[in-house]
Amino acid sequence: MRSRTQYAGCLALMLSICVSAMASGLQDGDASPAVPGLPAQELAAGECGAFFWDRADPNPLRLFENQSRGTARLWQDGEILELGTAPRGESHATGQRILRTYRLPSDEIISVEGEITATRDGEAVIGRAVLRRTLPGGAMEVSPLMGLISCRDADDR
């Protein structure tokens, strides 16, 4: 029972972040988002995706990976980078470690490590994750994240 409560609380937090970001995203018809980060990302029917938000307020969406198409979008330094990756079709379990690695156009390496803290109905909550970016000269930038892996039903329209 406790794990269902934790899952529901974590999912509610992530949904409230999404709703808050979307509600404050456009002001007075302006097409530019008021909140930094990626704009809302959509999955087509039958697709799966991984969403990673910054843990720091205002919790911008930092990374989106369309696992079905093998594409990713990263918000970094005020711009959106389009990245390629291998399509994924993995199953998920509570306690499972995840690792994502991306090479940026600048040849920098970005990695995301995390742990699935809850699963339910085909979704996986990543309660704890960290993004590591190796900067030129070897320095490391570290950002704490939280995430969700979710699939859209094939019969959704």
C-alpha atoms as a PDB file:
ATOM      1  CA  MET A   1       0.000   0.000   0.000  1.00  0.00           C
ATOM      2  CA  ARG A   2       2.846   2.364   0.850  1.00  0.00           C
ATOM      3  CA  SER A   3       4.459   1.947  -2.599  1.00  0.00           C
ATOM      4  CA  ARG A   4       1.152   2.861  -4.297  1.00  0.00           C
ATOM      5  CA  THR A   5       0.958   5.993  -2.148  1.00  0.00           C
ATOM      6  CA  GLN A   6       4.562   6.908  -2.978  1.00  0.00           C
ATOM      7  CA  TYR A   7       3.952   6.278  -6.685  1.00  0.00           C
ATOM      8  CA  ALA A   8       0.774   8.369  -6.666  1.00  0.00           C
ATOM      9  CA  GLY A   9       2.545  11.204  -4.845  1.00  0.00           C
ATOM     10  CA  CYS A  10       5.501  11.192  -7.229  1.00  0.00           C
ATOM     11  CA  LEU A  11       3.245  11.014 -10.286  1.00  0.00           C
ATOM     12  CA  ALA A  12       1.073  13.840  -8.910  1.00  0.00           C
ATOM     13  CA  LEU A  13       4.196  15.985  -8.384  1.00  0.00           C
ATOM     14  CA  MET A  14       5.373  15.405 -11.967  1.00  0.00           C
ATOM     15  CA  LEU A  15       1.927  16.104 -13.400  1.00  0.00           C
ATOM     16  CA  SER A  16       1.622  19.311 -11.373  1.00  0.00           C
ATOM     17  CA  ILE A  17       5.008  20.418 -12.725  1.00  0.00           C
ATOM     18  CA  CYS A  18       3.818  19.773 -16.298  1.00  0.00           C
ATOM     19  CA  VAL A  19       0.505  21.567 -15.763  1.00  0.00           C
ATOM     20  CA  SER A  20       2.231  24.492 -14.057  1.00  0.00           C
ATOM     21  CA  ALA A  21       4.778  24.800 -16.853  1.00  0.00           C
ATOM     22  CA  MET A  22       2.091  24.636 -19.534  1.00  0.00           C
ATOM     23  CA  ALA A  23      -0.124  27.165 -17.723  1.00  0.00           C
ATOM     24  CA  SER A  24       2.683  29.678 -17.368  1.00  0.00           C
ATOM     25  CA  GLY A  25       4.271  28.860 -20.723  1.00  0.00           C
ATOM     26  CA  LEU A  26       2.503  31.462 -22.845  1.00  0.00           C
ATOM     27  CA  GLN A  27       1.700  34.986 -21.755  1.00  0.00           C
ATOM     28  CA  ASP A  28      -0.368  37.516 -23.707  1.00  0.00           C
ATOM     29  CA  GLY A  29      -0.156  35.498 -26.931  1.00  0.00           C
ATOM     30  CA  ASP A  30       3.652  35.489 -26.827  1.00  0.00           C
ATOM     31  CA  ALA A  31       5.020  32.379 -28.545  1.00  0.00           C
ATOM     32  CA  SER A  32       8.078  32.157 -26.271  1.00  0.00           C
ATOM     33  CA  PRO A  33       7.884  30.097 -23.077  1.00  0.00           C
ATOM     34  CA  ALA A  34       8.045  31.969 -19.762  1.00  0.00           C
ATOM     35  CA  VAL A  35       9.647  28.924 -18.134  1.00  0.00           C
ATOM     36  CA  PRO A  36      13.053  27.706 -19.341  1.00  0.00           C
ATOM     37  CA  GLY A  37      13.346  24.223 -20.753  1.00  0.00           C
ATOM     38  CA  LEU A  38      11.813  22.126 -23.479  1.00  0.00           C
ATOM     39  CA  PRO A  39       8.251  22.828 -24.557  1.00  0.00           C
ATOM     40  CA  ALA A  40       5.620  20.126 -24.007  1.00  0.00           C
ATOM     41  CA  GLN A  41       6.574  16.937 -25.878  1.00  0.00           C
ATOM     42  CA  GLU A  42       4.051  14.576 -27.415  1.00  0.00           C
ATOM     43  CA  LEU A  43       4.051  10.885 -28.164  1.00  0.00           C
ATOM     44  CA  ALA A  44       2.159   9.420 -31.114  1.00  0.00           C
ATOM     45  CA  ALA A  45      -0.114   6.439 -30.532  1.00  0.00           C
ATOM     46  CA  GLY A  46       1.984   3.399 -29.629  1.00  0.00           C
ATOM     47  CA  GLU A  47       5.166   5.366 -28.829  1.00  0.00           C
ATOM     48  CA  CYS A  48       7.145   5.386 -25.574  1.00  0.00           C
ATOM     49  CA  GLY A  49       9.196   8.218 -24.165  1.00  0.00           C
ATOM     50  CA  ALA A  50      11.414   9.190 -21.253  1.00  0.00           C
ATOM     51  CA  PHE A  51      10.909  12.649 -19.712  1.00  0.00           C
ATOM     52  CA  PHE A  52      13.491  14.185 -17.365  1.00  0.00           C
ATOM     53  CA  TRP A  53      12.874  17.371 -15.355  1.00  0.00           C
ATOM     54  CA  ASP A  54      15.310  19.461 -13.343  1.00  0.00           C
ATOM     55  CA  ARG A  55      14.708  19.001  -9.625  1.00  0.00           C
ATOM     56  CA  ALA A  56      15.378  22.722  -9.054  1.00  0.00           C
ATOM     57  CA  ASP A  57      12.457  25.161  -9.371  1.00  0.00           C
ATOM     58  CA  PRO A  58      10.864  25.929 -11.773  1.00  0.00           C
ATOM     59  CA  ASN A  59      11.492  22.260 -12.785  1.00  0.00           C
ATOM     60  CA  PRO A  60      12.066  22.724 -16.532  1.00  0.00           C
ATOM     61  CA  LEU A  61      11.896  19.708 -18.822  1.00  0.00           C
ATOM     62  CA  ARG A  62      15.597  19.163 -19.590  1.00  0.00           C
ATOM     63  CA  LEU A  63      15.575  15.989 -21.648  1.00  0.00           C
ATOM     64  CA  PHE A  64      13.012  14.103 -23.684  1.00  0.00           C
ATOM     65  CA  GLU A  65      13.812  10.838 -25.412  1.00  0.00           C
ATOM     66  CA  ASN A  66      11.367   9.315 -27.859  1.00  0.00           C
ATOM     67  CA  GLN A  67      12.341   5.713 -27.223  1.00  0.00           C
ATOM     68  CA  SER A  68      10.336   4.445 -30.185  1.00  0.00           C
ATOM     69  CA  ARG A  69      11.933   6.740 -32.775  1.00  0.00           C
ATOM     70  CA  GLY A  70      15.449   6.808 -31.328  1.00  0.00           C
ATOM     71  CA  THR A  71      15.538  10.591 -31.002  1.00  0.00           C
ATOM     72  CA  ALA A  72      16.178  12.893 -28.071  1.00  0.00           C
ATOM     73  CA  ARG A  73      15.885  16.592 -27.291  1.00  0.00           C
ATOM     74  CA  LEU A  74      18.052  18.284 -24.686  1.00  0.00           C
ATOM     75  CA  TRP A  75      17.569  21.784 -23.338  1.00  0.00           C
ATOM     76  CA  GLN A  76      20.987  23.183 -22.511  1.00  0.00           C
ATOM     77  CA  ASP A  77      22.368  26.684 -22.150  1.00  0.00           C
ATOM     78  CA  GLY A  78      19.131  28.230 -23.437  1.00  0.00           C
ATOM     79  CA  GLU A  79      18.889  26.169 -26.621  1.00  0.00           C
ATOM     80  CA  ILE A  80      17.323  22.901 -27.754  1.00  0.00           C
ATOM     81  CA  LEU A  81      19.692  20.274 -29.101  1.00  0.00           C
ATOM     82  CA  GLU A  82      18.357  17.455 -31.305  1.00  0.00           C
ATOM     83  CA  LEU A  83      20.178  14.186 -30.629  1.00  0.00           C
ATOM     84  CA  GLY A  84      20.058  10.668 -31.996  1.00  0.00           C
ATOM     85  CA  THR A  85      19.982   7.492 -29.937  1.00  0.00           C
ATOM     86  CA  ALA A  86      19.100   3.847 -30.440  1.00  0.00           C
ATOM     87  CA  PRO A  87      15.414   2.946 -30.134  1.00  0.00           C
ATOM     88  CA  ARG A  88      14.634   1.237 -26.811  1.00  0.00           C
ATOM     89  CA  GLY A  89      12.062  -1.389 -25.992  1.00  0.00           C
ATOM     90  CA  GLU A  90      13.064  -2.325 -22.464  1.00  0.00           C
ATOM     91  CA  SER A  91      10.778  -3.395 -19.651  1.00  0.00           C
ATOM     92  CA  HIS A  92      11.010  -1.673 -16.289  1.00  0.00           C
ATOM     93  CA  ALA A  93      11.099  -2.775 -12.654  1.00  0.00           C
ATOM     94  CA  THR A  94      11.313  -0.923  -9.360  1.00  0.00           C
ATOM     95  CA  GLY A  95      14.954  -0.649  -8.296  1.00  0.00           C
ATOM     96  CA  GLN A  96      16.248  -0.956 -11.867  1.00  0.00           C
ATOM     97  CA  ARG A  97      19.145   1.357 -12.751  1.00  0.00           C
ATOM     98  CA  ILE A  98      18.986   3.301 -16.005  1.00  0.00           C
ATOM     99  CA  LEU A  99      21.793   4.872 -17.992  1.00  0.00           C
ATOM    100  CA  ARG A 100      21.501   7.111 -21.031  1.00  0.00           C
ATOM    101  CA  THR A 101      24.539   8.528 -22.849  1.00  0.00           C
ATOM    102  CA  TYR A 102      24.455  11.130 -25.624  1.00  0.00           C
ATOM    103  CA  ARG A 103      27.172  12.757 -27.721  1.00  0.00           C
ATOM    104  CA  LEU A 104      26.447  16.420 -28.407  1.00  0.00           C
ATOM    105  CA  PRO A 105      27.280  18.168 -31.702  1.00  0.00           C
ATOM    106  CA  SER A 106      30.190  19.813 -29.802  1.00  0.00           C
ATOM    107  CA  ASP A 107      31.541  16.288 -29.027  1.00  0.00           C
ATOM    108  CA  GLU A 108      30.739  16.744 -25.317  1.00  0.00           C
ATOM    109  CA  ILE A 109      29.256  13.708 -23.588  1.00  0.00           C
ATOM    110  CA  ILE A 110      26.026  13.912 -21.585  1.00  0.00           C
ATOM    111  CA  SER A 111      24.975  11.007 -19.398  1.00  0.00           C
ATOM    112  CA  VAL A 112      21.875  10.467 -17.289  1.00  0.00           C
ATOM    113  CA  GLU A 113      21.939   7.882 -14.510  1.00  0.00           C
ATOM    114  CA  GLY A 114      18.979   7.092 -12.355  1.00  0.00           C
ATOM    115  CA  GLU A 115      16.876   4.554 -10.549  1.00  0.00           C
ATOM    116  CA  ILE A 116      13.296   3.523 -11.183  1.00  0.00           C
ATOM    117  CA  THR A 117      11.535   4.066  -7.878  1.00  0.00           C
ATOM    118  CA  ALA A 118       8.038   2.891  -8.869  1.00  0.00           C
ATOM    119  CA  THR A 119       6.223   1.201 -11.746  1.00  0.00           C
ATOM    120  CA  ARG A 120       2.557   0.961 -12.549  1.00  0.00           C
ATOM    121  CA  ASP A 121       0.404   0.424 -15.634  1.00  0.00           C
ATOM    122  CA  GLY A 122       3.374   0.491 -18.026  1.00  0.00           C
ATOM    123  CA  GLU A 123       4.905   3.653 -16.545  1.00  0.00           C
ATOM    124  CA  ALA A 124       8.144   3.969 -14.613  1.00  0.00           C
ATOM    125  CA  VAL A 125       8.890   6.790 -12.179  1.00  0.00           C
ATOM    126  CA  ILE A 126      12.540   7.778 -11.949  1.00  0.00           C
ATOM    127  CA  GLY A 127      12.586   9.432  -8.540  1.00  0.00           C
ATOM    128  CA  ARG A 128      16.312   9.985  -8.475  1.00  0.00           C
ATOM    129  CA  ALA A 129      18.536  10.756 -11.450  1.00  0.00           C
ATOM    130  CA  VAL A 130      21.574  12.871 -12.259  1.00  0.00           C
ATOM    131  CA  LEU A 131      22.706  14.447 -15.525  1.00  0.00           C
ATOM    132  CA  ARG A 132      26.471  14.648 -15.973  1.00  0.00           C
ATOM    133  CA  ARG A 133      28.039  16.812 -18.627  1.00  0.00           C
ATOM    134  CA  THR A 134      31.761  16.622 -19.336  1.00  0.00           C
ATOM    135  CA  LEU A 135      32.886  20.146 -20.196  1.00  0.00           C
ATOM    136  CA  PRO A 136      35.849  21.098 -22.381  1.00  0.00           C
ATOM    137  CA  GLY A 137      38.960  20.743 -20.247  1.00  0.00           C
ATOM    138  CA  GLY A 138      37.529  17.796 -18.325  1.00  0.00           C
ATOM    139  CA  ALA A 139      35.408  19.580 -15.703  1.00  0.00           C
ATOM    140  CA  MET A 140      32.093  17.922 -14.805  1.00  0.00           C
ATOM    141  CA  GLU A 141      28.713  19.678 -14.533  1.00  0.00           C
ATOM    142  CA  VAL A 142      26.159  17.761 -12.466  1.00  0.00           C
ATOM    143  CA  SER A 143      22.388  18.406 -12.354  1.00  0.00           C
ATOM    144  CA  PRO A 144      19.873  16.431 -10.258  1.00  0.00           C
ATOM    145  CA  LEU A 145      16.827  15.264 -12.227  1.00  0.00           C
ATOM    146  CA  MET A 146      13.592  13.325 -11.831  1.00  0.00           C
ATOM    147  CA  GLY A 147      11.866  11.455 -14.610  1.00  0.00           C
ATOM    148  CA  LEU A 148       9.050   9.399 -15.999  1.00  0.00           C
ATOM    149  CA  ILE A 149       9.016   6.729 -18.701  1.00  0.00           C
ATOM    150  CA  SER A 150       5.598   6.408 -20.270  1.00  0.00           C
ATOM    151  CA  CYS A 151       3.957   4.828 -23.314  1.00  0.00           C
ATOM    152  CA  ARG A 152       0.892   5.983 -25.185  1.00  0.00           C
ATOM    153  CA  ASP A 153      -1.610   3.250 -26.038  1.00  0.00           C
ATOM    154  CA  ALA A 154      -1.558   2.172 -29.680  1.00  0.00           C
ATOM    155  CA  ASP A 155      -5.307   2.764 -29.962  1.00  0.00           C
ATOM    156  CA  ASP A 156      -5.099   6.385 -28.676  1.00  0.00           C
ATOM    157  CA  ARG A 157      -6.013   8.952 -31.282  1.00  0.00           C
END
